[in-house]
């Protein structure tokens, strides 16, 4: 009988990357999918094999993930309360052999969280993006129960700001050792959007006047009502100024009615949702974030990346990125008079505004760059996996 020489060689275990599956509600352009696209560009695929799974509808972000070589799946669950969501999520987790299940926002936190527990996934991480009552787009009588359950399922929680972490610990009673503060990140866009910005200004008939841009969902917590009241004051002293709000939401009729009541239909435009906000940012002279509650808003980082002067309310995680009169201007929330004075100052002091915009870009590059944030994610994933299962058999363990 012939015996191969390979039988006498030492057996080397096959090493593979850590497998991380992210669950989102849809593949629409929104806070979680925009950040995950940045993360996918930065994580080393030789160390982390990434999948992104949605529960329904699909959306344009699916192709962008696939273009980066990320595995995607639409579980295509027809109903919001359909228990098949849990079964389908569990089947994917087991088939993917996930080392980390990472959930984003309510549907994923609940259904994928339960699925991950059922599949005995070693690590279950949830990212919390918002604070308190504004963690959900819709109010439900069961919100307290849902929050308590979603907070109990993960083995670890990522909070996008110190303010969000405090809310998780104070309101949801998450233990401090089970929370990591990792801001979302961004990379400066590689495309020059100047021409697209000029086209937008022409489409909006701005005629060379200053543009104050707000990008926000049209809902109570975003403070667009405060912006409209402030705009009525700014218009009196700066009649060439124009305001554009990008976004959709349930408060559109109320906000449009107030614009009409104040005679601002030619001054304030509710321009609807745009999946790519960078042309509008290129067109803007000032970016205003008038929110009543925030975690760490995407638009703040996007404006910093585009070197835009920023005025924002001092709520949630915003003061963790903006130091007033250093790299932007902070004002109290729900105070139209104060917001109007701040806007007028930025319009009247363009050199100061430009200096703050440059400083904001430096802050983004040093603290919020996607590459830096991705390294924090990678380090957290490594630590959590090593605490839950032996590191042998993984690429990272050999490096």
Protein backbone atom coordinates (compact mmCIF):
# COMPACT_ATOMS: atom_id res chain seq x y z
CA UNK A 1 0.00 0.00 0.00
CA UNK A 2 1.35 3.42 -0.94
CA UNK A 3 1.24 6.13 1.71
CA UNK A 4 1.42 9.78 0.71
CA UNK A 5 4.21 11.80 2.28
CA UNK A 6 1.57 14.37 3.21
CA UNK A 7 0.39 11.98 5.91
CA UNK A 8 3.60 12.63 7.86
CA UNK A 9 3.45 16.45 7.59
CA UNK A 10 2.10 18.52 10.50
CA UNK A 11 -1.52 19.59 10.09
CA UNK A 12 -1.89 23.38 9.87
CA UNK A 13 -5.32 24.61 10.87
CA UNK A 14 -7.12 26.59 8.17
CA UNK A 15 -7.38 30.18 9.23
CA UNK A 16 -10.25 32.41 8.15
CA UNK A 17 -11.30 36.01 8.75
CA UNK A 18 -13.64 36.98 11.54
CA UNK A 19 -17.17 36.99 10.14
CA UNK A 20 -19.32 40.00 11.04
CA UNK A 21 -22.94 40.29 9.91
CA UNK A 22 -24.75 43.61 10.24
CA UNK A 23 -28.56 43.66 10.34
CA UNK A 24 -30.48 46.77 9.22
CA UNK A 25 -34.17 47.36 8.51
CA UNK A 26 -33.79 48.29 4.82
CA UNK A 27 -31.07 49.17 2.33
CA UNK A 28 -32.36 52.75 2.12
CA UNK A 29 -29.96 55.69 2.43
CA UNK A 30 -30.06 56.41 6.16
CA UNK A 31 -27.86 56.86 9.21
CA UNK A 32 -26.89 53.24 9.75
CA UNK A 33 -26.39 52.21 6.12
CA UNK A 34 -24.36 55.34 5.32
CA UNK A 35 -22.01 54.58 8.19
CA UNK A 36 -21.75 50.88 7.35
CA UNK A 37 -20.71 51.78 3.81
CA UNK A 38 -17.87 53.86 5.27
CA UNK A 39 -16.94 51.00 7.59
CA UNK A 40 -16.91 48.48 4.73
CA UNK A 41 -14.45 50.67 2.83
CA UNK A 42 -12.07 50.78 5.79
CA UNK A 43 -12.06 47.32 7.41
CA UNK A 44 -9.43 44.92 6.08
CA UNK A 45 -11.36 42.15 4.25
CA UNK A 46 -8.50 39.74 4.95
CA UNK A 47 -9.27 40.10 8.67
CA UNK A 48 -13.02 40.79 8.65
CA UNK A 49 -15.50 39.19 6.27
CA UNK A 50 -18.54 41.44 6.32
CA UNK A 51 -22.19 40.85 5.43
CA UNK A 52 -25.09 43.32 5.56
CA UNK A 53 -28.63 41.93 5.81
CA UNK A 54 -31.92 43.83 5.64
CA UNK A 55 -35.40 42.68 6.62
CA UNK A 56 -37.58 44.22 3.92
CA UNK A 57 -37.87 46.57 0.90
CA UNK A 58 -34.20 46.43 -0.14
CA UNK A 59 -32.90 49.78 -1.40
CA UNK A 60 -30.10 51.53 -3.30
CA UNK A 61 -27.40 50.86 -0.71
CA UNK A 62 -27.45 47.14 -1.51
CA UNK A 63 -25.54 47.59 -4.77
CA UNK A 64 -23.02 49.93 -3.13
CA UNK A 65 -22.22 47.26 -0.56
CA UNK A 66 -21.95 44.60 -3.24
CA UNK A 67 -19.60 46.80 -5.28
CA UNK A 68 -17.23 46.65 -2.30
CA UNK A 69 -17.42 42.85 -2.19
CA UNK A 70 -19.72 42.78 0.84
CA UNK A 71 -22.19 39.90 1.07
CA UNK A 72 -25.77 41.20 1.11
CA UNK A 73 -29.16 39.61 1.69
CA UNK A 74 -32.74 40.85 1.76
CA UNK A 75 -34.75 38.57 4.06
CA UNK A 76 -37.91 39.99 2.44
CA UNK A 77 -40.12 39.75 5.53
CA UNK A 78 -43.56 41.07 4.54
CA UNK A 79 -44.94 42.32 7.87
CA UNK A 80 -43.55 44.48 10.66
CA UNK A 81 -44.52 41.90 13.30
CA UNK A 82 -43.94 38.79 11.20
CA UNK A 83 -42.11 36.18 13.36
CA UNK A 84 -40.52 34.73 10.22
CA UNK A 85 -38.06 37.60 10.54
CA UNK A 86 -36.45 35.82 13.49
CA UNK A 87 -36.30 32.46 11.70
CA UNK A 88 -34.80 33.91 8.52
CA UNK A 89 -32.26 35.95 10.47
CA UNK A 90 -31.26 32.88 12.48
CA UNK A 91 -30.80 30.84 9.30
CA UNK A 92 -28.52 33.49 7.83
CA UNK A 93 -26.45 33.78 11.03
CA UNK A 94 -25.91 30.03 11.14
CA UNK A 95 -25.20 29.70 7.42
CA UNK A 96 -22.72 32.60 7.51
CA UNK A 97 -21.10 31.15 10.65
CA UNK A 98 -21.07 34.63 12.16
CA UNK A 99 -18.59 35.43 14.90
CA UNK A 100 -20.24 38.81 15.49
CA UNK A 101 -23.86 39.78 14.92
CA UNK A 102 -24.18 43.57 14.87
CA UNK A 103 -27.65 45.15 14.88
CA UNK A 104 -28.75 48.67 13.97
CA UNK A 105 -32.07 50.28 15.01
CA UNK A 106 -35.32 48.77 16.29
CA UNK A 107 -36.29 46.02 13.86
CA UNK A 108 -32.75 44.69 13.69
CA UNK A 109 -32.17 45.10 17.42
CA UNK A 110 -35.28 43.05 18.19
CA UNK A 111 -35.55 40.40 15.48
CA UNK A 112 -31.85 39.87 14.76
CA UNK A 113 -31.10 40.11 18.47
CA UNK A 114 -33.50 37.28 19.25
CA UNK A 115 -32.21 35.32 16.25
CA UNK A 116 -28.60 35.73 17.38
CA UNK A 117 -29.47 34.47 20.85
CA UNK A 118 -31.32 31.50 19.33
CA UNK A 119 -28.34 30.72 17.07
CA UNK A 120 -25.96 31.05 20.06
CA UNK A 121 -23.85 33.65 18.22
CA UNK A 122 -20.80 34.29 20.39
CA UNK A 123 -20.94 38.10 20.16
CA UNK A 124 -24.04 40.30 19.75
CA UNK A 125 -23.38 44.03 19.38
CA UNK A 126 -25.99 46.77 19.03
CA UNK A 127 -25.29 50.36 18.00
CA UNK A 128 -27.41 53.01 19.68
CA UNK A 129 -27.68 56.18 17.58
CA UNK A 130 -30.18 58.37 19.44
CA UNK A 131 -31.39 59.41 22.86
CA UNK A 132 -34.52 58.66 24.83
CA UNK A 133 -37.87 59.32 23.22
CA UNK A 134 -36.27 59.97 19.84
CA UNK A 135 -34.73 56.52 19.37
CA UNK A 136 -37.84 55.51 17.38
CA UNK A 137 -39.44 57.13 14.34
CA UNK A 138 -42.88 55.93 15.52
CA UNK A 139 -44.22 56.12 19.05
CA UNK A 140 -45.67 52.89 20.45
CA UNK A 141 -47.30 52.04 23.74
CA UNK A 142 -44.86 49.16 23.93
CA UNK A 143 -41.74 51.34 23.55
CA UNK A 144 -40.61 50.85 27.14
CA UNK A 145 -40.89 47.08 26.85
CA UNK A 146 -39.15 47.10 23.46
CA UNK A 147 -36.33 49.30 24.77
CA UNK A 148 -35.83 47.07 27.81
CA UNK A 149 -35.76 43.92 25.70
CA UNK A 150 -33.45 45.39 23.04
CA UNK A 151 -31.11 46.63 25.77
CA UNK A 152 -30.98 43.20 27.42
CA UNK A 153 -30.20 41.17 24.30
CA UNK A 154 -26.72 42.42 23.22
CA UNK A 155 -23.50 41.28 24.83
CA UNK A 156 -22.16 44.77 24.07
CA UNK A 157 -23.54 48.18 23.07
CA UNK A 158 -21.83 50.85 20.97
CA UNK A 159 -23.00 54.39 21.71
CA UNK A 160 -22.26 57.00 19.06
CA UNK A 161 -21.61 59.72 21.65
CA UNK A 162 -21.10 60.22 25.37
CA UNK A 163 -24.63 61.59 25.60
CA UNK A 164 -26.07 58.42 24.05
CA UNK A 165 -23.93 56.25 26.36
CA UNK A 166 -25.26 58.12 29.39
CA UNK A 167 -28.82 57.56 28.20
CA UNK A 168 -28.14 53.84 27.74
CA UNK A 169 -26.80 53.55 31.28
CA UNK A 170 -29.25 55.88 33.05
CA UNK A 171 -32.48 55.04 31.26
CA UNK A 172 -31.90 51.52 29.98
CA UNK A 173 -29.66 50.37 32.85
CA UNK A 174 -26.95 49.01 30.57
CA UNK A 175 -23.86 48.24 32.66
CA UNK A 176 -20.96 50.65 31.98
CA UNK A 177 -18.54 47.82 31.20
CA UNK A 178 -20.88 46.69 28.42
CA UNK A 179 -20.89 50.07 26.63
CA UNK A 180 -18.24 51.49 24.29
CA UNK A 181 -18.37 55.04 22.96
CA UNK A 182 -17.36 55.00 19.30
CA UNK A 183 -18.43 57.93 17.17
CA UNK A 184 -19.53 57.31 13.62
CA UNK A 185 -16.95 58.42 11.07
CA UNK A 186 -16.63 59.88 7.62
CA UNK A 187 -14.09 60.34 4.86
CA UNK A 188 -13.88 63.51 2.78
CA UNK A 189 -15.65 62.92 -0.54
CA UNK A 190 -13.32 62.19 -3.44
CA UNK A 191 -15.65 63.82 -5.99
CA UNK A 192 -15.63 67.56 -6.72
CA UNK A 193 -19.25 68.63 -6.25
CA UNK A 194 -18.77 72.30 -7.18
CA UNK A 195 -20.54 72.03 -10.53
CA UNK A 196 -23.40 70.00 -9.06
CA UNK A 197 -23.72 72.59 -6.30
CA UNK A 198 -23.92 75.40 -8.86
CA UNK A 199 -26.63 73.50 -10.73
CA UNK A 200 -28.64 73.17 -7.52
CA UNK A 201 -28.33 76.88 -6.77
CA UNK A 202 -29.66 77.62 -10.24
CA UNK A 203 -32.51 75.13 -9.81
CA UNK A 204 -33.41 76.73 -6.49
CA UNK A 205 -33.18 80.24 -8.05
CA UNK A 206 -30.85 81.56 -5.39
CA UNK A 207 -29.49 84.35 -7.60
CA UNK A 208 -26.16 84.58 -5.81
CA UNK A 209 -27.46 85.18 -2.29
CA UNK A 210 -26.21 83.22 0.72
CA UNK A 211 -27.67 79.75 1.22
CA UNK A 212 -28.31 78.37 4.70
CA UNK A 213 -28.78 74.60 4.47
CA UNK A 214 -30.42 72.22 6.92
CA UNK A 215 -30.48 68.46 6.28
CA UNK A 216 -32.96 66.76 8.57
CA UNK A 217 -35.96 64.50 8.83
CA UNK A 218 -39.09 66.64 9.08
CA UNK A 219 -40.00 65.54 12.59
CA UNK A 220 -40.27 67.27 15.94
CA UNK A 221 -36.82 66.45 17.34
CA UNK A 222 -34.98 68.00 14.38
CA UNK A 223 -36.07 71.53 15.28
CA UNK A 224 -36.99 72.70 11.78
CA UNK A 225 -39.81 74.73 13.36
CA UNK A 226 -37.17 76.70 15.28
CA UNK A 227 -35.24 77.26 12.05
CA UNK A 228 -38.33 78.68 10.32
CA UNK A 229 -38.94 81.15 13.15
CA UNK A 230 -35.28 82.20 13.05
CA UNK A 231 -35.43 82.57 9.26
CA UNK A 232 -38.21 85.14 9.58
CA UNK A 233 -35.87 87.29 11.69
CA UNK A 234 -32.78 86.79 9.55
CA UNK A 235 -34.76 87.76 6.45
CA UNK A 236 -35.49 91.20 7.88
CA UNK A 237 -31.80 92.09 8.16
CA UNK A 238 -30.41 89.88 5.36
CA UNK A 239 -33.11 89.84 2.64
CA UNK A 240 -30.86 88.02 0.15
CA UNK A 241 -30.46 85.00 2.45
CA UNK A 242 -32.30 81.83 1.51
CA UNK A 243 -32.99 78.67 3.53
CA UNK A 244 -33.24 75.14 2.12
CA UNK A 245 -34.24 72.09 4.14
CA UNK A 246 -33.44 68.67 2.67
CA UNK A 247 -35.52 65.86 4.12
CA UNK A 248 -38.98 64.35 4.42
CA UNK A 249 -41.09 63.40 7.40
CA UNK A 250 -44.46 63.57 9.12
CA UNK A 251 -44.23 67.27 10.02
CA UNK A 252 -44.00 68.55 6.44
CA UNK A 253 -47.63 69.89 6.32
CA UNK A 254 -47.27 71.70 9.64
CA UNK A 255 -43.92 73.22 8.68
CA UNK A 256 -45.12 74.31 5.24
CA UNK A 257 -48.19 75.93 6.81
CA UNK A 258 -45.96 77.94 9.16
CA UNK A 259 -43.73 79.02 6.27
CA UNK A 260 -46.81 80.29 4.43
CA UNK A 261 -48.18 82.03 7.53
CA UNK A 262 -44.92 83.97 7.94
CA UNK A 263 -44.82 84.92 4.26
CA UNK A 264 -41.57 83.00 3.74
CA UNK A 265 -42.52 80.83 0.76
CA UNK A 266 -39.85 82.56 -1.35
CA UNK A 267 -37.29 82.37 1.48
CA UNK A 268 -37.57 78.90 3.02
CA UNK A 269 -37.80 75.84 0.75
CA UNK A 270 -38.63 72.32 1.90
CA UNK A 271 -36.75 70.60 -0.91
CA UNK A 272 -37.48 66.95 -0.10
CA UNK A 273 -35.19 63.99 0.42
CA UNK A 274 -31.91 63.67 -1.49
CA UNK A 275 -29.86 60.45 -1.23
CA UNK A 276 -26.63 62.31 -2.02
CA UNK A 277 -26.34 65.41 0.15
CA UNK A 278 -22.91 66.52 -1.04
CA UNK A 279 -24.08 68.67 -4.00
CA UNK A 280 -26.33 70.60 -1.60
CA UNK A 281 -23.46 70.96 0.88
CA UNK A 282 -21.25 72.25 -1.93
CA UNK A 283 -23.91 74.85 -2.72
CA UNK A 284 -24.31 75.98 0.91
CA UNK A 285 -22.68 78.95 2.61
CA UNK A 286 -23.73 77.86 6.11
CA UNK A 287 -24.99 74.56 7.52
CA UNK A 288 -27.53 74.88 10.34
CA UNK A 289 -28.44 72.01 12.69
CA UNK A 290 -31.34 73.30 14.85
CA UNK A 291 -32.11 69.97 16.58
CA UNK A 292 -33.85 69.47 19.91
CA UNK A 293 -32.23 66.04 20.36
CA UNK A 294 -29.32 64.30 18.63
CA UNK A 295 -26.92 61.41 19.05
CA UNK A 296 -24.15 62.25 16.59
CA UNK A 297 -25.79 63.53 13.39
CA UNK A 298 -24.43 62.43 10.03
CA UNK A 299 -24.97 65.89 8.59
CA UNK A 300 -22.61 67.38 11.18
CA UNK A 301 -19.76 65.12 10.05
CA UNK A 302 -20.65 65.64 6.38
CA UNK A 303 -20.54 69.43 6.81
CA UNK A 304 -17.19 69.18 8.62
CA UNK A 305 -15.83 67.02 5.81
CA UNK A 306 -16.95 69.65 3.27
CA UNK A 307 -15.36 72.56 5.22
CA UNK A 308 -18.67 74.32 5.77
CA UNK A 309 -19.34 76.88 8.54
CA UNK A 310 -21.61 75.22 11.08
CA UNK A 311 -24.14 76.57 13.55
CA UNK A 312 -25.82 73.94 15.71
CA UNK A 313 -27.69 73.50 18.95
CA UNK A 314 -25.77 72.29 22.00
CA UNK A 315 -27.70 69.03 22.39
CA UNK A 316 -26.70 65.37 22.59
CA UNK A 317 -23.36 64.53 21.01
CA UNK A 318 -22.97 67.75 19.01
CA UNK A 319 -20.78 69.49 21.65
CA UNK A 320 -18.46 66.47 21.51
CA UNK A 321 -17.55 67.53 17.96
CA UNK A 322 -18.12 71.30 17.94
CA UNK A 323 -16.41 73.66 20.36
CA UNK A 324 -18.26 76.94 20.11
CA UNK A 325 -16.30 79.76 18.49
CA UNK A 326 -13.44 77.37 17.75
CA UNK A 327 -14.73 75.16 14.95
CA UNK A 328 -18.36 76.29 14.76
CA UNK A 329 -21.04 78.09 16.73
CA UNK A 330 -23.29 76.44 19.33
CA UNK A 331 -26.60 77.91 20.50
CA UNK A 332 -29.29 76.66 22.90
CA UNK A 333 -32.08 74.61 21.35
CA UNK A 334 -35.61 75.93 20.81
CA UNK A 335 -34.49 79.58 20.94
CA UNK A 336 -35.23 81.16 17.53
CA UNK A 337 -33.92 84.59 18.59
CA UNK A 338 -30.52 83.20 19.59
CA UNK A 339 -30.33 81.06 16.46
CA UNK A 340 -31.16 84.09 14.31
CA UNK A 341 -28.41 86.16 15.93
CA UNK A 342 -25.91 83.34 15.37
CA UNK A 343 -26.87 83.01 11.72
CA UNK A 344 -26.59 86.77 11.23
CA UNK A 345 -23.13 86.72 12.79
CA UNK A 346 -21.92 84.02 10.39
CA UNK A 347 -23.36 85.96 7.46
CA UNK A 348 -21.72 89.20 8.64
CA UNK A 349 -18.32 87.68 9.50
CA UNK A 350 -17.34 85.49 6.54
CA UNK A 351 -13.65 85.33 7.54
CA UNK A 352 -14.55 84.08 11.00
CA UNK A 353 -16.93 81.56 9.46
CA UNK A 354 -14.22 80.34 7.08
CA UNK A 355 -11.69 79.97 9.92
CA UNK A 356 -14.15 77.90 11.94
CA UNK A 357 -14.95 75.76 8.88
CA UNK A 358 -11.25 74.97 8.38
CA UNK A 359 -10.94 74.06 12.06
CA UNK A 360 -14.00 71.80 11.79
CA UNK A 361 -12.39 69.95 8.90
CA UNK A 362 -9.24 69.45 10.99
CA UNK A 363 -11.39 68.07 13.82
CA UNK A 364 -13.05 65.65 11.42
CA UNK A 365 -9.70 64.46 10.06
CA UNK A 366 -8.15 63.94 13.50
CA UNK A 367 -11.08 62.52 15.47
CA UNK A 368 -13.88 61.41 13.15
CA UNK A 369 -12.14 60.08 10.06
CA UNK A 370 -13.66 56.77 8.98
CA UNK A 371 -10.27 55.03 9.00
CA UNK A 372 -9.70 55.96 12.65
CA UNK A 373 -13.20 54.89 13.67
CA UNK A 374 -12.86 51.60 11.74
CA UNK A 375 -9.72 50.81 13.73
CA UNK A 376 -11.74 51.26 16.92
CA UNK A 377 -14.41 48.89 15.59
CA UNK A 378 -11.78 46.33 14.62
CA UNK A 379 -10.16 46.49 18.06
CA UNK A 380 -13.54 46.07 19.77
CA UNK A 381 -14.51 43.11 17.57
CA UNK A 382 -11.17 41.40 18.28
CA UNK A 383 -11.55 41.89 22.03
CA UNK A 384 -15.15 40.72 22.19
CA UNK A 385 -14.45 37.63 20.09
CA UNK A 386 -11.36 36.70 22.12
CA UNK A 387 -13.44 36.94 25.31
CA UNK A 388 -16.08 34.59 23.90
CA UNK A 389 -14.13 31.97 21.95
CA UNK A 390 -10.50 30.85 21.46
CA UNK A 391 -8.66 32.96 18.86
CA UNK A 392 -6.99 29.98 17.11
CA UNK A 393 -8.20 29.37 13.59
CA UNK A 394 -8.54 33.05 12.68
CA UNK A 395 -6.40 35.22 10.43
CA UNK A 396 -6.18 37.90 13.12
CA UNK A 397 -4.73 35.46 15.63
CA UNK A 398 -1.81 34.75 13.32
CA UNK A 399 -1.03 38.39 12.55
